[in-house]
Amino acid sequence: MEIVINFDDMSWAAIGPELIIMLTAFFILLAGLKKEMDTLPFLSGVSLVGIGAALLFTLSLWGGAPTVENGGNPSMFSGALIHDRFSLAFNLIFLLMSLFAVFGSARYPQESHENKAEYFTLLLMAVAGMMFLAKSGNLITVFMSLELFSIALYILCGFSAKHGTGKEGPHSKTELTWETQASQESTVKYLLTGAFSSAILVYGMALIYAGSGTTELRMIGQLLTENPYTKNTLVYIGMGLMFCGLAFKISLVPFHSWTPDVYQGAPTPITGFMSVATKAAAFAVIARIFFTALPELEKAWMPILFGTSVLTMLVGNTAAIFQDDLKRMLAYSGVAHAGYLLIGVVTNTQEGMASILFYLSVYLFMNIGAFAVVFIMEGEGREGNSINRFKGLAKRNPLLAAAMSLFMVSLAGFPPTAGFFGKLFVFYAAVKKGYILITILAVVASIISVYFYLRVIVMMYFHEDESAPQPVIPKGMGLLVTVSCVMVVAIGLFPSFLMELARGAIPF
């Protein structure tokens, strides 16, 4: 068998942002071996430089990226990767969200810890995996990219950055704090359920390959259109298994049970990063698969996605009502928002895909701001993220309370915030396709969510806690809160600009 490598479509510049992030991660890992460089200011500074360089490189690629209008060929590396504005838009989401985890080093890892370099290395490798996932044009590339960022996140969720020095051994006599035990529990749950979901996903991919004879997404779509024999049982079963595997990453019901426990136990910077980045990565590949490879099977997968979306919205919002821990509440909120996003996939239209991209961009700023405030208000022990810690915040720090209120009303979908238009464009795509029922159910779910979002505002403005300390705001977190507020208001006032960019990024 002769293997022929096509060197003509190896566009190294197109994967420049990914290469920058990976090289930065390798440099940080090596720099951590040298005592003079193994300091938080240096390691976090290098991370920020790498992320900033990747952001600038991504923006420089935007104008020349292939689109439907210019007729460019997005395929590269023999179809393993796809270079288009769609993947570049997701690059921006991943890179911006990674800033939250980097600025979180203001609290942990601490200077005395031995695993500072590993924290930043794993974070950047997770970002690189997500970026490659958004570019994947082959099922093999999809699985490799998915595992790259998943394994990094498994470790980060159990990272002993907050309550461990990195010097502890298996026989150490140290007494574990609640935070350490919760972190260990979260990483075990995430690892075990993630391993099962990966096994289901790869089995589904194997069945699709067996039924179609190829792993390239564009070729699968072409064969399903032209060759009726590829519409066989193996492909249908493989499609279902693949969706189950990806549904775990997005926290769709009934694959969401890991989410609140993992979000609560993981370090807050990692929780905030995961809350948006993992959803964006999984939705990027779901869009590639269902719009590029499986549009011919819409009659089979649309009812499944329809039901999953409705269940996810209703269960997520209902469960969030009963949560007193802010991280758990935001975890169930994220479950519900995944249901809203899935409506865009259900529509199977370019308008639906553009609405997903718009919604994720808006969700980025709403969530990064909300988790930044949670980080600032975080305390020690089991009640460290209790909603009661927000009592009387409006008197202690009016600006921080106002920012949190803005994020809560935007997440609830009140006009004229960015969150309102995020839902509006998704609902409009569904109504335009004739899916009135799912739109009505989504509105009902949104009404349910108003209770637990406004509950936080009520705690800040209508309850008192004289013994609560004055919150200390790290510079990085203060910057994130400020920028997030500005973006939530700006997008709410001028939503059409971002929506037009989203429409221009759709390659299908």
Protein backbone atom coordinates (compact mmCIF):
# COMPACT_ATOMS: atom_id res chain seq x y z
CA MET A 1 0.00 0.00 0.00
CA GLU A 2 1.45 3.33 -1.06
CA ILE A 3 0.89 6.32 1.17
CA VAL A 4 0.85 9.64 -0.65
CA ILE A 5 1.24 12.83 1.39
CA ASN A 6 -0.14 16.00 -0.15
CA PHE A 7 2.26 18.81 0.75
CA ASP A 8 0.38 21.42 -1.27
CA ASP A 9 -2.43 21.97 1.25
CA MET A 10 -0.22 22.13 4.37
CA SER A 11 -1.06 25.66 5.40
CA TRP A 12 1.10 26.18 8.47
CA ALA A 13 0.13 29.83 8.74
CA ALA A 14 -3.52 28.82 9.16
CA ILE A 15 -2.66 26.91 12.36
CA GLY A 16 -0.33 29.67 13.57
CA PRO A 17 -2.48 30.53 16.64
CA GLU A 18 -2.53 26.88 17.73
CA LEU A 19 1.23 26.58 17.27
CA ILE A 20 1.82 29.75 19.30
CA ILE A 21 -0.25 28.41 22.20
CA MET A 22 1.48 25.02 22.15
CA LEU A 23 4.99 26.52 21.96
CA THR A 24 4.12 28.84 24.83
CA ALA A 25 2.93 25.85 26.87
CA PHE A 26 6.17 23.92 26.21
CA PHE A 27 8.28 26.96 27.09
CA ILE A 28 6.43 27.46 30.39
CA LEU A 29 6.89 23.80 31.31
CA LEU A 30 10.65 24.06 30.72
CA ALA A 31 10.89 27.46 32.41
CA GLY A 32 9.35 25.96 35.52
CA LEU A 33 12.47 23.82 35.94
CA LYS A 34 14.57 26.94 36.50
CA LYS A 35 14.08 28.47 39.94
CA GLU A 36 14.50 32.07 38.76
CA MET A 37 11.71 31.64 36.22
CA ASP A 38 9.39 29.54 38.38
CA THR A 39 7.49 32.55 39.70
CA LEU A 40 3.87 33.53 39.23
CA PRO A 41 4.57 36.95 37.68
CA PHE A 42 6.86 35.42 35.05
CA LEU A 43 4.72 32.37 34.23
CA SER A 44 1.44 34.29 34.09
CA GLY A 45 3.14 37.03 32.07
CA VAL A 46 4.43 34.55 29.50
CA SER A 47 0.96 32.99 29.30
CA LEU A 48 -0.61 36.38 28.64
CA VAL A 49 1.98 37.15 25.96
CA GLY A 50 1.27 33.82 24.24
CA ILE A 51 -2.50 34.31 24.42
CA GLY A 52 -2.19 37.87 23.17
CA ALA A 53 0.02 36.81 20.25
CA ALA A 54 -2.44 34.05 19.32
CA LEU A 55 -5.33 36.56 19.46
CA LEU A 56 -3.54 38.97 17.12
CA PHE A 57 -2.59 36.14 14.74
CA THR A 58 -6.22 34.95 14.68
CA LEU A 59 -7.46 38.44 13.84
CA SER A 60 -4.85 38.76 11.08
CA LEU A 61 -6.17 35.56 9.46
CA TRP A 62 -9.80 36.71 9.44
CA GLY A 63 -9.75 38.73 6.22
CA GLY A 64 -8.11 36.03 4.10
CA ALA A 65 -10.01 33.06 5.50
CA PRO A 66 -12.07 31.06 2.97
CA THR A 67 -15.81 31.81 2.97
CA VAL A 68 -18.85 30.89 0.89
CA GLU A 69 -18.61 34.26 -0.86
CA ASN A 70 -14.93 34.14 -1.91
CA GLY A 71 -15.11 30.46 -2.90
CA GLY A 72 -11.86 29.54 -1.16
CA ASN A 73 -11.01 25.95 -0.30
CA PRO A 74 -11.09 25.61 3.51
CA SER A 75 -9.67 22.06 3.56
CA MET A 76 -6.05 21.61 4.56
CA PHE A 77 -3.71 18.84 5.70
CA SER A 78 -5.52 16.34 3.45
CA GLY A 79 -8.91 17.16 4.95
CA ALA A 80 -7.82 16.63 8.55
CA LEU A 81 -8.33 20.32 9.37
CA ILE A 82 -10.56 23.11 8.08
CA HIS A 83 -9.52 26.75 7.94
CA ASP A 84 -12.40 29.23 7.82
CA ARG A 85 -13.86 32.15 9.74
CA PHE A 86 -16.06 29.76 11.71
CA SER A 87 -13.03 28.17 13.39
CA LEU A 88 -11.35 31.56 13.84
CA ALA A 89 -14.43 32.88 15.66
CA PHE A 90 -14.22 29.99 18.10
CA ASN A 91 -10.48 30.64 18.52
CA LEU A 92 -11.35 34.10 19.84
CA ILE A 93 -13.83 32.61 22.33
CA PHE A 94 -11.31 30.07 23.66
CA LEU A 95 -8.49 32.59 23.96
CA LEU A 96 -10.59 35.25 25.65
CA MET A 97 -11.98 32.70 28.13
CA SER A 98 -8.47 31.48 28.98
CA LEU A 99 -7.67 34.97 30.33
CA PHE A 100 -10.01 34.24 33.26
CA ALA A 101 -7.97 31.20 34.33
CA VAL A 102 -4.70 33.12 33.96
CA PHE A 103 -5.91 36.08 36.03
CA GLY A 104 -7.16 33.55 38.58
CA SER A 105 -3.53 32.89 39.49
CA ALA A 106 -3.85 35.98 41.69
CA ARG A 107 -5.09 33.51 44.32
CA TYR A 108 -3.92 30.07 43.21
CA PRO A 109 -1.56 28.51 42.49
CA GLN A 110 0.34 30.38 45.18
CA GLU A 111 3.98 31.38 45.02
CA SER A 112 5.06 28.66 47.47
CA HIS A 113 3.51 25.86 45.41
CA GLU A 114 5.61 23.51 43.32
CA ASN A 115 3.13 23.06 40.46
CA LYS A 116 2.79 26.60 39.12
CA ALA A 117 4.27 25.85 35.68
CA GLU A 118 2.09 22.77 35.27
CA TYR A 119 -1.06 24.84 35.90
CA PHE A 120 -0.36 27.24 33.03
CA THR A 121 0.93 24.47 30.75
CA LEU A 122 -2.20 22.36 31.18
CA LEU A 123 -4.43 25.39 30.68
CA LEU A 124 -2.75 26.32 27.39
CA MET A 125 -2.79 22.72 26.16
CA ALA A 126 -6.54 22.61 26.86
CA VAL A 127 -6.95 25.78 24.79
CA ALA A 128 -4.89 24.28 21.96
CA GLY A 129 -7.05 21.14 21.95
CA MET A 130 -10.22 23.21 21.73
CA MET A 131 -8.80 25.29 18.88
CA PHE A 132 -7.90 22.17 16.92
CA LEU A 133 -11.34 20.71 17.65
CA ALA A 134 -13.05 23.73 16.07
CA LYS A 135 -10.84 23.21 12.99
CA SER A 136 -11.34 19.45 12.73
CA GLY A 137 -12.51 18.11 9.39
CA ASN A 138 -11.99 14.44 10.16
CA LEU A 139 -13.42 12.17 12.85
CA ILE A 140 -9.91 11.10 13.85
CA THR A 141 -8.84 14.71 14.34
CA VAL A 142 -12.03 15.33 16.30
CA PHE A 143 -11.25 12.55 18.75
CA MET A 144 -7.58 13.49 19.18
CA SER A 145 -8.42 17.16 19.79
CA LEU A 146 -11.21 16.25 22.19
CA GLU A 147 -8.93 14.05 24.27
CA LEU A 148 -6.15 16.66 24.28
CA PHE A 149 -8.27 19.25 26.06
CA SER A 150 -10.27 16.73 28.10
CA ILE A 151 -7.22 15.13 29.72
CA ALA A 152 -5.81 18.55 30.57
CA LEU A 153 -9.11 19.54 32.20
CA TYR A 154 -9.34 16.26 34.14
CA ILE A 155 -6.07 17.20 35.84
CA LEU A 156 -6.94 20.86 36.32
CA CYS A 157 -10.23 20.03 38.03
CA GLY A 158 -8.32 18.12 40.70
CA PHE A 159 -5.40 20.49 40.75
CA SER A 160 -4.02 20.98 44.27
CA ALA A 161 -3.38 24.64 43.51
CA LYS A 162 -5.49 26.14 46.26
CA HIS A 163 -4.87 23.87 49.24
CA GLY A 164 -1.74 21.90 48.48
CA THR A 165 1.91 22.73 47.90
CA GLY A 166 2.61 20.01 45.34
CA LYS A 167 5.04 18.34 47.75
CA GLU A 168 2.54 15.95 49.34
CA GLY A 169 3.02 12.23 48.77
CA PRO A 170 0.74 9.18 49.08
CA HIS A 171 1.81 8.66 52.70
CA SER A 172 1.72 12.27 53.83
CA LYS A 173 0.00 12.85 57.19
CA THR A 174 -1.64 16.08 56.08
CA GLU A 175 -5.29 16.63 56.96
CA LEU A 176 -7.28 17.38 53.83
CA THR A 177 -9.51 20.45 53.79
CA TRP A 178 -13.01 20.43 52.37
CA GLU A 179 -11.79 22.24 49.25
CA THR A 180 -9.15 19.61 48.57
CA GLN A 181 -11.59 16.75 49.07
CA ALA A 182 -14.16 18.42 46.82
CA SER A 183 -11.51 19.00 44.16
CA GLN A 184 -10.44 15.36 44.30
CA GLU A 185 -14.05 14.23 44.08
CA SER A 186 -14.69 16.48 41.07
CA THR A 187 -11.71 15.21 39.13
CA VAL A 188 -12.61 11.56 39.75
CA LYS A 189 -16.22 12.12 38.64
CA TYR A 190 -15.11 14.07 35.58
CA LEU A 191 -12.48 11.49 34.67
CA LEU A 192 -14.74 8.46 34.98
CA THR A 193 -17.75 9.93 33.22
CA GLY A 194 -15.48 11.54 30.62
CA ALA A 195 -13.81 8.20 29.91
CA PHE A 196 -17.18 6.53 29.37
CA SER A 197 -18.35 9.33 27.08
CA SER A 198 -15.12 9.15 25.07
CA ALA A 199 -15.57 5.40 24.65
CA ILE A 200 -19.15 5.91 23.43
CA LEU A 201 -18.01 8.67 21.09
CA VAL A 202 -15.19 6.70 19.49
CA TYR A 203 -17.42 3.64 19.10
CA GLY A 204 -19.94 5.80 17.25
CA MET A 205 -17.15 7.10 15.01
CA ALA A 206 -16.05 3.54 14.27
CA LEU A 207 -19.58 2.57 13.25
CA ILE A 208 -19.89 5.59 10.95
CA TYR A 209 -16.58 4.65 9.34
CA ALA A 210 -17.78 1.06 8.94
CA GLY A 211 -21.02 2.22 7.34
CA SER A 212 -19.63 4.94 5.08
CA GLY A 213 -16.03 3.90 4.43
CA THR A 214 -14.51 7.27 5.37
CA THR A 215 -13.80 9.45 8.39
CA GLU A 216 -13.68 12.80 6.55
CA LEU A 217 -16.72 14.91 7.39
CA ARG A 218 -17.22 16.43 3.95
CA MET A 219 -16.87 13.03 2.29
CA ILE A 220 -19.42 11.47 4.66
CA GLY A 221 -21.92 14.18 3.73
CA GLN A 222 -21.22 13.69 0.02
CA LEU A 223 -21.63 9.92 0.21
CA LEU A 224 -24.90 10.17 2.14
CA THR A 225 -26.21 12.48 -0.59
CA GLU A 226 -25.04 10.49 -3.60
CA ASN A 227 -24.94 6.88 -2.41
CA PRO A 228 -28.16 5.51 -0.87
CA TYR A 229 -26.29 2.46 0.46
CA THR A 230 -24.45 4.61 3.01
CA LYS A 231 -27.76 5.30 4.77
CA ASN A 232 -27.49 2.04 6.67
CA THR A 233 -28.03 0.91 10.23
CA LEU A 234 -24.38 1.31 11.20
CA VAL A 235 -24.38 5.00 10.29
CA TYR A 236 -27.61 5.65 12.19
CA ILE A 237 -26.37 3.90 15.32
CA GLY A 238 -22.98 5.61 15.03
CA MET A 239 -24.69 8.99 14.73
CA GLY A 240 -26.65 8.36 17.94
CA LEU A 241 -23.58 7.23 19.87
CA MET A 242 -21.55 10.21 18.68
CA PHE A 243 -24.25 12.60 19.82
CA CYS A 244 -24.34 10.94 23.25
CA GLY A 245 -20.58 11.33 23.60
CA LEU A 246 -20.67 15.00 22.62
CA ALA A 247 -23.77 15.68 24.73
CA PHE A 248 -21.68 14.88 27.81
CA LYS A 249 -19.26 17.68 26.98
CA ILE A 250 -22.09 20.18 26.58
CA SER A 251 -23.94 18.96 29.71
CA LEU A 252 -27.16 18.12 27.88
CA VAL A 253 -29.86 16.28 29.84
CA PRO A 254 -29.60 13.38 30.71
CA PHE A 255 -25.79 13.58 30.40
CA HIS A 256 -25.46 16.54 32.78
CA SER A 257 -25.26 14.95 36.24
CA TRP A 258 -21.47 15.44 36.51
CA THR A 259 -21.67 19.19 35.95
CA PRO A 260 -22.73 20.67 39.34
CA ASP A 261 -20.34 18.49 41.36
CA VAL A 262 -17.38 19.15 39.06
CA TYR A 263 -18.08 22.88 38.85
CA GLN A 264 -18.39 23.15 42.62
CA GLY A 265 -15.23 21.17 43.42
CA ALA A 266 -12.86 22.46 40.75
CA PRO A 267 -10.82 25.64 41.33
CA THR A 268 -13.00 28.62 40.41
CA PRO A 269 -10.76 29.83 37.54
CA ILE A 270 -11.01 26.39 35.94
CA THR A 271 -14.77 26.26 36.55
CA GLY A 272 -15.23 29.61 34.83
CA PHE A 273 -13.03 28.56 31.92
CA MET A 274 -14.89 25.28 31.47
CA SER A 275 -18.32 26.89 31.70
CA VAL A 276 -17.93 28.54 28.29
CA ALA A 277 -14.93 27.00 26.54
CA THR A 278 -16.00 23.34 26.68
CA LYS A 279 -19.50 24.21 25.46
CA ALA A 280 -18.11 26.29 22.61
CA ALA A 281 -15.70 23.52 21.57
CA ALA A 282 -18.37 20.84 21.60
CA PHE A 283 -20.89 23.00 19.72
CA ALA A 284 -18.24 23.79 17.11
CA VAL A 285 -17.76 20.10 16.34
CA ILE A 286 -21.49 19.34 16.57
CA ALA A 287 -22.07 22.00 13.92
CA ARG A 288 -19.38 20.48 11.71
CA ILE A 289 -20.84 17.00 12.06
CA PHE A 290 -24.56 17.68 11.71
CA PHE A 291 -24.35 20.45 9.10
CA THR A 292 -21.46 19.05 7.04
CA ALA A 293 -21.57 15.27 7.46
CA LEU A 294 -25.15 14.40 8.43
CA PRO A 295 -27.61 16.92 6.94
CA GLU A 296 -29.19 14.12 4.87
CA LEU A 297 -30.23 12.35 8.08
CA GLU A 298 -32.08 15.37 9.50
CA LYS A 299 -35.39 13.50 9.77
CA ALA A 300 -33.67 11.00 12.09
CA TRP A 301 -31.66 13.32 14.36
CA MET A 302 -33.92 16.38 14.50
CA PRO A 303 -36.59 14.86 16.84
CA ILE A 304 -33.85 13.58 19.17
CA LEU A 305 -32.17 16.98 19.37
CA PHE A 306 -35.57 18.66 19.72
CA GLY A 307 -36.48 16.57 22.78
CA THR A 308 -33.02 16.87 24.29
CA SER A 309 -33.10 20.66 23.93
CA VAL A 310 -36.48 20.97 25.67
CA LEU A 311 -35.48 18.64 28.53
CA THR A 312 -32.17 20.45 29.00
CA MET A 313 -33.78 23.89 29.23
CA LEU A 314 -36.50 22.81 31.65
CA VAL A 315 -34.40 20.56 33.89
CA GLY A 316 -31.47 22.99 34.05
CA ASN A 317 -33.57 25.99 35.04
CA THR A 318 -35.74 24.04 37.46
CA ALA A 319 -32.76 22.47 39.26
CA ALA A 320 -30.99 25.85 39.55
CA ILE A 321 -33.87 27.18 41.68
CA PHE A 322 -32.93 24.89 44.58
CA GLN A 323 -29.19 25.70 44.67
CA ASP A 324 -27.64 27.81 47.44
CA ASP A 325 -24.10 27.47 46.13
CA LEU A 326 -23.40 30.03 43.37
CA LYS A 327 -21.10 27.70 41.44
CA ARG A 328 -23.73 24.95 41.44
CA MET A 329 -26.39 27.46 40.44
CA LEU A 330 -24.28 28.69 37.52
CA ALA A 331 -23.58 25.06 36.60
CA TYR A 332 -27.30 24.34 36.19
CA SER A 333 -27.66 27.70 34.45
CA GLY A 334 -25.03 26.52 31.97
CA VAL A 335 -27.01 23.31 31.43
CA ALA A 336 -30.08 25.38 30.54
CA HIS A 337 -28.11 27.64 28.19
CA ALA A 338 -26.82 24.56 26.39
CA GLY A 339 -30.45 23.72 25.70
CA TYR A 340 -31.04 27.16 24.18
CA LEU A 341 -27.95 26.78 22.01
CA LEU A 342 -29.11 23.38 20.76
CA ILE A 343 -32.15 25.08 19.21
CA GLY A 344 -29.79 26.57 16.63
CA VAL A 345 -28.64 23.09 15.64
CA VAL A 346 -32.24 21.84 15.49
CA THR A 347 -33.12 24.49 12.89
CA ASN A 348 -30.44 23.14 10.54
CA THR A 349 -30.14 26.55 8.85
CA GLN A 350 -27.41 29.14 8.37
CA GLU A 351 -29.47 31.57 10.46
CA GLY A 352 -29.52 29.02 13.28
CA MET A 353 -25.76 28.53 13.07
CA ALA A 354 -25.13 32.28 13.12
CA SER A 355 -27.37 32.57 16.19
CA ILE A 356 -25.28 29.92 17.97
CA LEU A 357 -22.10 31.86 17.27
CA PHE A 358 -23.73 35.09 18.47
CA TYR A 359 -25.11 33.41 21.60
CA LEU A 360 -21.73 31.89 22.52
CA SER A 361 -20.01 35.25 22.10
CA VAL A 362 -22.56 36.88 24.39
CA TYR A 363 -22.47 33.98 26.86
CA LEU A 364 -18.69 34.41 27.03
CA PHE A 365 -18.93 37.90 28.52
CA MET A 366 -21.92 37.16 30.76
CA ASN A 367 -20.31 34.10 32.31
CA ILE A 368 -16.77 35.43 32.55
CA GLY A 369 -18.14 38.42 34.44
CA ALA A 370 -20.37 36.37 36.72
CA PHE A 371 -17.60 33.91 37.62
CA ALA A 372 -15.17 36.79 38.15
CA VAL A 373 -17.52 38.21 40.80
CA VAL A 374 -17.90 34.73 42.34
CA PHE A 375 -14.09 34.49 42.43
CA ILE A 376 -13.84 37.87 44.18
CA MET A 377 -16.48 36.94 46.77
CA GLU A 378 -15.21 33.40 47.33
CA GLY A 379 -14.49 32.26 50.87
CA GLU A 380 -13.21 29.14 52.59
CA GLY A 381 -14.98 25.89 53.38
CA ARG A 382 -18.23 24.31 52.25
CA GLU A 383 -20.05 27.66 52.39
CA GLY A 384 -17.32 29.49 50.51
CA ASN A 385 -19.54 30.13 47.50
CA SER A 386 -22.87 30.33 49.29
CA ILE A 387 -25.38 32.85 47.99
CA ASN A 388 -25.48 34.24 51.55
CA ARG A 389 -22.03 35.74 51.01
CA PHE A 390 -23.69 38.24 48.67
CA LYS A 391 -25.91 39.66 51.43
CA GLY A 392 -25.53 43.41 51.65
CA LEU A 393 -22.95 43.60 48.85
CA ALA A 394 -24.70 46.68 47.46
CA LYS A 395 -23.65 48.65 50.56
CA ARG A 396 -20.14 47.24 50.84
CA ASN A 397 -19.29 47.61 47.15
CA PRO A 398 -22.04 49.20 45.03
CA LEU A 399 -20.12 48.90 41.74
CA LEU A 400 -19.46 45.17 42.17
CA ALA A 401 -23.12 44.59 43.09
CA ALA A 402 -24.24 46.57 40.04
CA ALA A 403 -21.95 44.50 37.79
CA MET A 404 -23.28 41.22 39.19
CA SER A 405 -26.85 42.48 38.74
CA LEU A 406 -26.10 43.28 35.10
CA PHE A 407 -24.77 39.77 34.50
CA MET A 408 -27.75 38.16 36.22
CA VAL A 409 -30.37 40.10 34.24
CA SER A 410 -28.46 39.45 31.02
CA LEU A 411 -28.30 35.71 31.73
CA ALA A 412 -32.06 35.83 32.43
CA GLY A 413 -32.60 37.53 29.06
CA PHE A 414 -33.92 40.92 30.06
CA PRO A 415 -33.80 43.66 27.39
CA PRO A 416 -31.81 45.60 26.37
CA THR A 417 -28.89 43.44 27.54
CA ALA A 418 -26.80 41.21 25.27
CA GLY A 419 -28.43 38.09 26.75
CA PHE A 420 -31.82 39.19 25.49
CA PHE A 421 -30.62 39.40 21.90
CA GLY A 422 -28.75 36.10 22.23
CA LYS A 423 -32.03 34.34 22.95
CA LEU A 424 -33.96 36.48 20.49
CA PHE A 425 -31.81 35.47 17.51
CA VAL A 426 -31.97 31.78 18.45
CA PHE A 427 -35.75 31.94 18.84
CA TYR A 428 -36.08 33.87 15.58
CA ALA A 429 -34.16 31.14 13.70
CA ALA A 430 -36.52 28.52 15.15
CA VAL A 431 -39.68 30.48 14.30
CA LYS A 432 -38.38 31.16 10.80
CA LYS A 433 -38.02 27.39 10.29
CA GLY A 434 -41.55 26.84 11.65
CA TYR A 435 -40.59 25.37 15.04
CA ILE A 436 -43.10 27.31 17.14
CA LEU A 437 -43.48 24.71 19.89
CA ILE A 438 -39.81 24.64 20.89
CA THR A 439 -39.77 28.44 20.93
CA ILE A 440 -42.74 28.57 23.31
CA LEU A 441 -41.14 25.99 25.60
CA ALA A 442 -37.85 27.95 25.54
CA VAL A 443 -39.70 31.10 26.60
CA VAL A 444 -41.35 29.17 29.47
CA ALA A 445 -37.92 27.91 30.56
CA SER A 446 -36.57 31.46 30.45
CA ILE A 447 -39.40 32.64 32.69
CA ILE A 448 -38.51 29.92 35.22
CA SER A 449 -34.88 31.11 35.23
CA VAL A 450 -35.86 34.62 36.31
CA TYR A 451 -36.40 33.43 39.90
CA PHE A 452 -32.88 32.23 40.69
CA TYR A 453 -31.13 35.06 38.82
CA LEU A 454 -33.17 37.72 40.64
CA ARG A 455 -32.59 35.89 43.92
CA VAL A 456 -28.92 36.92 43.76
CA ILE A 457 -29.92 40.55 43.20
CA VAL A 458 -32.35 40.41 46.13
CA MET A 459 -29.54 39.11 48.39
CA MET A 460 -27.27 41.99 47.40
CA TYR A 461 -29.80 44.81 47.74
CA PHE A 462 -32.46 43.70 50.25
CA HIS A 463 -30.51 41.69 52.86
CA GLU A 464 -27.89 42.77 55.37
CA ASP A 465 -24.78 41.07 56.78
CA GLU A 466 -22.84 43.37 59.11
CA SER A 467 -20.12 40.80 59.76
CA ALA A 468 -19.24 40.29 56.08
CA PRO A 469 -15.75 41.51 55.13
CA GLN A 470 -15.06 44.06 52.40
CA PRO A 471 -14.32 42.21 49.12
CA VAL A 472 -10.77 42.47 47.81
CA ILE A 473 -10.69 42.81 44.02
CA PRO A 474 -7.53 41.61 42.23
CA LYS A 475 -6.55 43.85 39.31
CA GLY A 476 -7.02 41.11 36.72
CA MET A 477 -10.49 40.19 37.93
CA GLY A 478 -11.47 43.84 38.16
CA LEU A 479 -10.43 44.30 34.55
CA LEU A 480 -12.46 41.27 33.45
CA VAL A 481 -15.56 42.49 35.29
CA THR A 482 -15.23 45.96 33.74
CA VAL A 483 -14.70 44.71 30.19
CA SER A 484 -17.54 42.19 30.54
CA CYS A 485 -19.93 44.91 31.71
CA VAL A 486 -18.99 47.14 28.80
CA MET A 487 -19.43 44.33 26.27
CA VAL A 488 -22.78 43.15 27.69
CA VAL A 489 -24.14 46.70 27.43
CA ALA A 490 -22.51 47.46 24.06
CA ILE A 491 -23.78 44.27 22.40
CA GLY A 492 -27.21 44.92 23.90
CA LEU A 493 -27.28 48.38 22.33
CA PHE A 494 -25.72 47.39 18.99
CA PRO A 495 -26.46 43.67 18.44
CA SER A 496 -26.66 43.81 14.64
CA PHE A 497 -22.92 44.44 14.24
CA LEU A 498 -21.94 41.20 16.01
CA MET A 499 -24.74 39.25 14.29
CA GLU A 500 -23.49 40.33 10.86
CA LEU A 501 -20.00 39.12 11.77
CA ALA A 502 -21.54 35.81 12.89
CA ARG A 503 -23.43 35.44 9.60
CA GLY A 504 -20.24 36.15 7.67
CA ALA A 505 -18.43 33.40 9.56
CA ILE A 506 -20.80 30.58 8.59
CA PRO A 507 -19.04 28.34 6.03
CA PHE A 508 -21.92 25.97 5.24
